[in-house]
Structure formats: structure tokens, C-alpha cells
């Protein structure tokens, strides 16, 4: 949610084969940040 607008973004992560915990490496974190920034930019265009 950003400025009262809800949306859905694709997130990337990897899952540990041993404990099934979700982990985010540098590449996944960068992708997720870019996806969130794109969503925020889209919200600003509609406000």
C-alpha cells in the first residue's frame, strides 16, 4: 500500500532447502526494490 493505493508486485526470493525459510540475496533485493519503485511511480501518476 502506498498513499492509500493498494497493488500487487512480483517479489523474488529463494527458499532454503533445509529449513524452508525465505531468503533474499542482493540480486533479488534489487529486483524487489525496482518493482516497488515502479509501483510508487504508478501511484504518483494517478494522484
Protein backbone atom coordinates (compact mmCIF):
# COMPACT_ATOMS: atom_id res chain seq x y z
CA UNK A 1 0.00 0.00 0.00
CA UNK A 2 1.29 3.45 -0.90
CA UNK A 3 -0.61 6.72 -0.44
CA UNK A 4 -3.79 4.74 0.18
CA UNK A 5 -3.45 2.77 -3.06
CA UNK A 6 -3.18 -1.00 -2.98
CA UNK A 7 -1.39 -3.04 -5.57
CA UNK A 8 0.39 -6.28 -6.14
CA UNK A 9 4.03 -6.54 -7.15
CA UNK A 10 6.13 -9.55 -8.03
CA UNK A 11 8.73 -10.37 -5.40
CA UNK A 12 11.75 -12.58 -5.89
CA UNK A 13 13.33 -14.67 -3.16
CA UNK A 14 14.91 -18.06 -2.65
CA UNK A 15 13.91 -20.73 -0.19
CA UNK A 16 16.28 -22.77 1.96
CA UNK A 17 16.02 -26.48 1.12
CA UNK A 18 16.82 -27.40 4.72
CA UNK A 19 14.61 -25.13 6.85
CA UNK A 20 12.22 -23.67 4.22
CA UNK A 21 12.99 -20.10 5.26
CA UNK A 22 12.70 -17.38 2.63
CA UNK A 23 15.94 -15.55 1.87
CA UNK A 24 16.68 -12.55 -0.30
CA UNK A 25 20.08 -12.10 -1.89
CA UNK A 26 21.48 -8.94 -3.44
CA UNK A 27 20.02 -9.58 -6.90
CA UNK A 28 16.56 -10.40 -5.54
CA UNK A 29 16.62 -7.35 -3.25
CA UNK A 30 17.49 -5.10 -6.19
CA UNK A 31 14.65 -6.57 -8.29
CA UNK A 32 12.17 -6.15 -5.41
CA UNK A 33 13.24 -2.54 -4.84
CA UNK A 34 12.83 -1.73 -8.54
CA UNK A 35 9.37 -3.34 -8.56
CA UNK A 36 8.30 -1.30 -5.52
CA UNK A 37 9.65 1.92 -7.02
CA UNK A 38 7.73 1.22 -10.25
CA UNK A 39 4.54 0.75 -8.21
CA UNK A 40 5.15 4.02 -6.34
CA UNK A 41 5.73 5.83 -9.64
CA UNK A 42 2.45 4.43 -10.98
CA UNK A 43 0.60 5.66 -7.87
CA UNK A 44 2.06 9.17 -8.21
CA UNK A 45 0.77 9.34 -11.81
CA UNK A 46 -2.80 8.64 -10.64
CA UNK A 47 -2.78 11.04 -7.66
